[in-house]
Protein backbone atom coordinates (compact mmCIF):
# COMPACT_ATOMS: atom_id res chain seq x y z
CA MET A 1 -0.31 0.60 0.11
CA ALA A 2 1.70 3.72 -1.24
CA SER A 3 2.03 5.96 1.77
CA THR A 4 0.82 9.18 1.56
CA GLN A 5 3.38 12.11 2.40
CA LEU A 6 2.29 14.76 4.89
CA SER A 7 2.33 18.17 4.13
CA PRO A 8 5.45 19.99 6.20
CA LEU A 9 4.04 21.20 9.57
CA HIS A 10 3.99 24.63 11.28
CA HIS A 11 4.12 25.31 14.13
CA ASN A 12 0.55 26.50 15.72
CA VAL A 13 -1.64 24.11 12.69
CA PRO A 14 -5.04 24.08 12.91
CA ILE A 15 -6.83 20.97 13.00
CA VAL A 16 -10.48 22.78 12.82
CA ASP A 17 -10.98 25.70 10.83
CA PRO A 18 -12.86 28.71 13.05
CA GLU A 19 -15.07 30.23 10.04
CA THR A 20 -16.70 26.78 9.39
CA GLY A 21 -16.17 24.56 12.23
CA ASN A 22 -14.78 22.05 9.81
CA PRO A 23 -11.65 19.97 10.42
CA THR A 24 -8.97 21.87 8.00
CA PRO A 25 -7.68 19.97 5.07
CA PHE A 26 -4.16 18.91 7.28
CA PHE A 27 -5.62 17.44 9.91
CA GLN A 28 -8.30 15.40 7.86
CA GLN A 29 -5.18 13.92 5.50
CA MET A 30 -3.10 12.53 9.08
CA ILE A 31 -6.49 10.96 10.52
CA GLN A 32 -6.68 9.30 7.16
CA GLN A 33 -2.85 8.52 6.79
CA LEU A 34 -2.96 6.55 10.35
CA LEU A 35 -6.24 4.88 9.03
CA ASN A 36 -4.17 3.62 5.82
CA GLU A 37 -1.33 3.06 8.51
CA LYS A 38 -3.53 0.60 11.22
CA GLY A 39 -5.22 -1.41 8.15
CA VAL A 40 -1.32 -2.43 6.82
CA THR A 41 -1.11 -3.72 10.29
CA ASP A 42 -4.85 -5.15 10.50
CA ASP A 43 -3.08 -7.56 7.63
CA LEU A 44 0.20 -8.32 9.61
CA ALA A 45 -2.27 -8.91 12.34
CA ASP A 46 -4.40 -11.41 10.42
CA GLY A 47 -2.17 -13.53 8.10
CA ALA A 48 -3.90 -11.45 5.53
CA ILE A 49 -0.63 -10.49 2.89
CA GLN A 50 -1.26 -11.21 -0.51
CA PRO A 51 0.90 -12.09 -2.61
CA GLY A 52 3.14 -9.13 -4.27
CA THR A 53 3.08 -6.84 -1.04
CA VAL A 54 5.73 -7.82 1.20
CA THR A 55 9.03 -7.43 -0.39
CA THR A 56 12.58 -9.27 1.19
CA SER A 57 14.26 -5.52 1.04
CA GLY A 58 14.81 -4.81 4.69
CA LEU A 59 14.67 -8.50 5.77
CA THR A 60 17.48 -10.55 6.99
CA ALA A 61 18.41 -13.89 7.86
CA ALA A 62 21.35 -15.57 9.08
CA ALA A 63 23.67 -17.36 7.21
CA GLN A 64 23.26 -20.13 5.68
CA ARG A 65 19.89 -19.96 5.70
CA LEU A 66 17.14 -20.68 3.87
CA LEU A 67 12.87 -19.46 4.90
CA GLY A 68 9.81 -21.74 5.28
CA ASN A 69 7.79 -24.16 7.20
CA LYS A 70 9.25 -27.12 7.83
CA GLU A 71 5.74 -29.11 9.99
CA SER A 72 3.27 -31.26 8.26
CA THR A 73 0.76 -27.49 8.74
CA ALA A 74 0.64 -24.07 7.82
CA GLY A 75 2.53 -22.41 10.58
CA ALA A 76 4.55 -19.41 10.88
CA ILE A 77 7.54 -19.18 8.73
CA GLU A 78 11.27 -19.53 10.18
CA GLU A 79 14.95 -19.48 9.40
CA LEU A 80 15.93 -24.08 8.46
CA THR A 81 18.98 -24.53 7.81
CA LEU A 82 19.19 -27.11 4.62
CA SER A 83 19.37 -30.02 6.37
CA GLN A 84 16.72 -29.28 6.98
CA ALA A 85 15.00 -28.13 3.88
CA LEU A 86 16.49 -30.91 2.67
CA ASP A 87 14.44 -33.75 5.16
CA LEU A 88 11.24 -31.64 3.76
CA ILE A 89 11.27 -34.59 0.54
CA GLY A 90 9.91 -36.23 3.06
CA SER A 91 10.64 -40.18 5.43
CA ALA A 92 14.50 -39.47 4.93
CA ALA A 93 17.42 -41.60 6.65
CA ARG A 94 20.46 -41.78 7.59
CA GLY A 95 21.96 -43.22 4.04
CA ASP A 96 19.88 -42.19 2.34
CA LEU A 97 20.30 -40.54 -1.20
CA LEU A 98 19.31 -37.02 -3.28
CA PHE A 99 18.57 -37.75 -7.12
CA ARG A 100 16.37 -35.75 -9.69
CA GLY A 101 13.64 -37.87 -10.78
CA ALA A 102 11.29 -38.05 -14.04
CA ALA A 103 8.76 -34.84 -11.96
CA GLY A 104 11.44 -33.12 -9.99
CA TRP A 105 13.84 -33.98 -6.67
CA GLN A 106 13.72 -37.85 -5.14
CA ARG A 107 15.15 -39.93 -1.96
CA LEU A 108 16.26 -43.13 -3.00
CA ALA A 109 16.67 -45.29 0.16
CA ALA A 110 19.50 -47.06 1.62
CA GLY A 111 20.71 -50.32 -0.16
CA THR A 112 21.50 -53.25 1.69
CA SER A 113 25.26 -53.79 2.91
CA GLY A 114 27.80 -54.67 -0.24
CA GLN A 115 25.86 -53.41 -2.37
CA PHE A 116 26.86 -50.08 -5.19
CA LEU A 117 24.91 -47.13 -7.04
CA LYS A 118 24.83 -48.13 -10.63
CA THR A 119 23.75 -45.64 -12.93
CA LEU A 120 20.92 -47.13 -15.52
CA GLY A 121 22.24 -44.16 -18.31
CA ALA A 122 20.30 -40.25 -19.10
CA GLY A 123 16.59 -40.05 -18.76
CA ALA A 124 16.71 -43.55 -16.24
CA ASP A 125 16.73 -43.21 -12.02
CA PRO A 126 20.02 -45.18 -9.93
CA ALA A 127 19.55 -47.54 -8.20
CA TRP A 128 21.64 -49.86 -6.28
CA ASP A 129 23.40 -53.12 -7.53
CA THR A 130 25.23 -56.20 -6.57
CA ALA A 131 28.66 -56.57 -7.79
CA GLY A 132 29.73 -59.65 -9.40
CA GLY A 133 32.51 -61.54 -8.75
CA GLY A 134 35.47 -60.81 -7.37
CA SER A 135 34.66 -60.91 -3.61
CA GLY A 136 35.30 -64.44 -2.77
CA TRP A 137 33.94 -67.01 -0.41
CA GLU A 138 32.33 -66.71 2.39
CA LEU A 139 30.93 -69.64 4.33
CA ALA A 140 26.97 -69.19 4.38
CA GLY A 141 26.23 -72.11 6.96
CA SER A 142 26.69 -75.54 7.75
CA TRP A 143 25.62 -78.26 9.67
CA ASP A 144 27.77 -80.57 12.53
CA GLN A 145 26.05 -83.85 12.90
CA SER A 146 27.32 -83.79 16.45
CA ILE A 147 25.57 -80.55 17.46
CA ASP A 148 22.31 -80.48 15.11
CA GLY A 149 22.33 -84.22 15.26
CA ASN A 150 20.17 -86.24 12.92
CA LYS A 151 18.40 -83.97 10.30
CA THR A 152 15.98 -85.10 7.77
CA ASN A 153 16.80 -81.85 5.57
CA ILE A 154 18.94 -79.32 5.84
CA ASP A 155 18.43 -75.75 4.71
CA PHE A 156 20.59 -73.25 4.06
CA THR A 157 18.67 -70.11 3.33
CA GLY A 158 19.35 -66.39 3.09
CA LEU A 159 21.16 -66.69 -0.19
CA GLY A 160 20.19 -64.46 -2.15
CA GLY A 161 22.52 -62.26 -4.34
CA ALA A 162 25.11 -64.72 -4.29
CA GLN A 163 26.70 -65.94 -7.28
CA ASP A 164 27.92 -69.59 -6.87
CA ILE A 165 26.83 -71.61 -3.85
CA LEU A 166 29.25 -74.18 -3.33
CA LEU A 167 27.89 -77.52 -0.87
CA ILE A 168 30.61 -79.67 0.69
CA VAL A 169 29.64 -82.85 2.30
CA ARG A 170 32.14 -84.99 4.60
CA ASN A 171 31.18 -88.50 6.16
CA VAL A 172 27.57 -88.41 5.88
CA THR A 173 25.32 -91.05 6.36
CA GLN A 174 22.12 -92.20 5.55
CA SER A 175 19.79 -93.89 7.54
CA VAL A 176 17.76 -95.31 4.62
CA SER A 177 19.50 -96.55 1.37
CA GLY A 178 19.61 -93.16 -1.20
CA GLN A 179 21.55 -90.34 -2.19
CA VAL A 180 22.71 -87.69 -0.77
CA ALA A 181 21.04 -84.88 -2.48
CA ALA A 182 20.11 -80.74 -2.92
CA ARG A 183 17.00 -79.06 -4.27
CA VAL A 184 16.93 -75.48 -4.62
CA SER A 185 14.26 -72.50 -3.70
CA VAL A 186 13.30 -68.98 -5.02
CA ASP A 187 11.76 -67.83 -2.42
CA ASP A 188 13.63 -67.64 0.02
CA GLY A 189 12.89 -71.79 1.66
CA ALA A 190 9.23 -71.43 1.69
CA SER A 191 9.26 -74.31 -0.97
CA PHE A 192 12.08 -76.31 -2.76
CA PHE A 193 11.17 -77.76 -6.52
CA SER A 194 11.09 -81.28 -6.12
CA THR A 195 9.58 -82.61 -9.00
CA SER A 196 10.69 -84.80 -11.59
CA GLY A 197 10.85 -82.84 -14.58
CA ASN A 198 12.57 -79.72 -12.62
CA TYR A 199 15.44 -80.67 -13.11
CA VAL A 200 17.47 -82.66 -16.28
CA ILE A 201 20.32 -84.43 -16.30
CA PRO A 202 21.85 -84.10 -20.16
CA THR A 203 24.15 -86.74 -21.45
CA THR A 204 27.44 -86.67 -23.03
CA ALA A 205 25.42 -86.48 -26.38
CA GLY A 206 22.86 -83.74 -24.79
CA VAL A 207 19.73 -86.81 -24.33
CA GLU A 208 17.95 -85.47 -21.31
CA SER A 209 16.05 -86.88 -18.01
CA ASN A 210 13.97 -85.61 -16.01
CA SER A 211 15.48 -85.19 -12.53
CA SER A 212 14.20 -84.24 -8.88
CA ALA A 213 17.09 -83.05 -7.67
CA MET A 214 19.56 -80.29 -8.25
CA LEU A 215 21.94 -81.66 -7.20
CA GLU A 216 23.74 -85.23 -6.03
CA PHE A 217 27.44 -85.78 -4.40
CA PHE A 218 28.08 -89.25 -4.44
CA THR A 219 27.03 -92.76 -5.63
CA PRO A 220 23.23 -93.69 -4.81
CA GLY A 221 22.57 -96.73 -2.56
CA ALA A 222 25.07 -96.01 -0.06
CA THR A 223 24.41 -95.55 3.69
CA ALA A 224 28.09 -96.08 5.19
CA ALA A 225 30.09 -92.53 5.47
CA ARG A 226 31.09 -90.58 3.16
CA THR A 227 32.31 -87.38 0.79
CA GLY A 228 31.19 -85.30 -2.06
CA ALA A 229 31.40 -81.74 -2.96
CA ALA A 230 28.98 -80.36 -6.00
CA MET A 231 28.29 -75.97 -7.19
CA ILE A 232 25.52 -73.99 -9.07
CA GLN A 233 26.43 -71.34 -11.14
CA ALA A 234 25.37 -68.54 -11.71
CA ALA A 235 22.93 -69.01 -8.70
CA ASN A 236 21.86 -64.80 -8.72
CA VAL A 237 21.11 -64.19 -11.98
CA ASN A 238 17.11 -63.36 -13.39
CA GLY A 239 15.41 -64.76 -16.54
CA SER A 240 18.25 -67.50 -17.07
CA LEU A 241 18.24 -71.68 -15.98
CA LYS A 242 20.99 -72.78 -13.82
CA ALA A 243 23.77 -75.68 -13.59
CA GLY A 244 24.30 -77.81 -11.41
CA LEU A 245 27.91 -79.30 -10.94
CA ASN A 246 29.40 -82.30 -9.36
CA ILE A 247 32.86 -81.30 -8.31
CA THR A 248 33.90 -84.94 -6.72
CA SER A 249 33.38 -86.91 -10.93
CA CYS A 250 32.88 -85.54 -14.13
CA ALA A 251 29.52 -87.19 -14.28
CA ASN A 252 26.13 -86.49 -13.05
CA HIS A 253 25.74 -82.70 -13.88
CA ARG A 254 22.27 -81.16 -13.58
CA ILE A 255 20.39 -78.45 -14.89
CA PHE A 256 17.60 -76.51 -13.22
CA VAL A 257 14.75 -75.75 -15.43
CA GLY A 258 12.33 -74.79 -12.95
CA SER A 259 11.86 -71.13 -13.08
CA THR A 260 14.79 -68.18 -14.40
CA SER A 261 14.11 -66.63 -11.08
CA PRO A 262 17.89 -66.73 -9.32
CA ILE A 263 18.82 -69.06 -6.81
CA ASN A 264 18.15 -67.95 -2.54
CA ALA A 265 17.73 -71.18 -0.66
CA VAL A 266 19.39 -75.32 -1.13
CA ARG A 267 18.37 -77.92 0.55
CA VAL A 268 20.25 -81.42 1.77
CA TYR A 269 18.27 -84.15 2.06
CA SER A 270 17.82 -87.94 1.65
CA SER A 271 16.66 -89.36 -1.16
CA GLY A 272 15.34 -92.74 0.03
CA ASP A 273 13.63 -90.25 2.67
CA GLY A 274 15.80 -91.65 5.85
CA THR A 275 17.81 -89.24 7.30
CA ILE A 276 21.03 -87.45 7.00
CA GLY A 277 23.92 -87.92 9.72
CA GLY A 278 27.13 -90.15 10.96
CA ALA A 279 29.47 -89.79 13.29
CA GLY A 280 31.51 -86.46 12.49
CA GLY A 281 29.25 -85.65 9.14
CA LYS A 282 29.67 -81.67 8.63
CA ILE A 283 27.81 -80.12 5.54
CA TYR A 284 29.06 -76.92 4.81
CA CYS A 285 27.09 -73.64 2.46
CA LEU A 286 29.57 -71.85 0.99
CA VAL A 287 27.85 -68.55 -1.56
CA ARG A 288 30.39 -66.34 -3.94
CA ARG A 289 28.72 -63.01 -3.45
């Protein structure tokens, strides 16, 4: 609102015309100026300032501060740090990152330990990914008969992201003659593929035969203590079949055809439906991420 300049004030300026008894022009001008200023004051008190009526001229703020409202509802304007302003994006937590999305700035929630930030190129959002290879082997789980006792099924879960899975069995016996074998899961052990045809055994001539196991460790029919090792390769690849290799011998390799989803759990069991045991019997599950 534009201010009105009052006429220069002189001594003995009358406020009433002695001839007419009416307020003098100067007095009328002064009263109008006071009313105008009261109107501005009332607007400030009521929060009724309209856009464009206030400028930054004359306003000051602390160094490196922004003006805004960090609350979830309308409220008073206050000074905000840059960190407080960035928190306005919502649900911010330690480890999160800020990136420019298709419609504005977005928050990328923290990934899991060991993941790296991967760009998907111009026009796409970045994402967390798991590095393949080069990180070496680590023990994901084990079974020890002297500690865990005889078992019908020995499950190793939480293997998501593993590039390769290695199973080593040593001095393992079976209560019923059969094969110590392994099956796989793509839902972290909620279910395992156990139907003949979920896996195939290719011959050297390329002819397939169906199987209900991903891996077998040694010659079927044994109940005495046996030792063997087998590996699942490219377990973490989505959209592809997975190969199971018998390391103990050059035969008896398998291909998992029941799903092309990543494998994230394995089950060691006895094909004769007996228990796995044996004095000194041990099974190790190792992964390479």
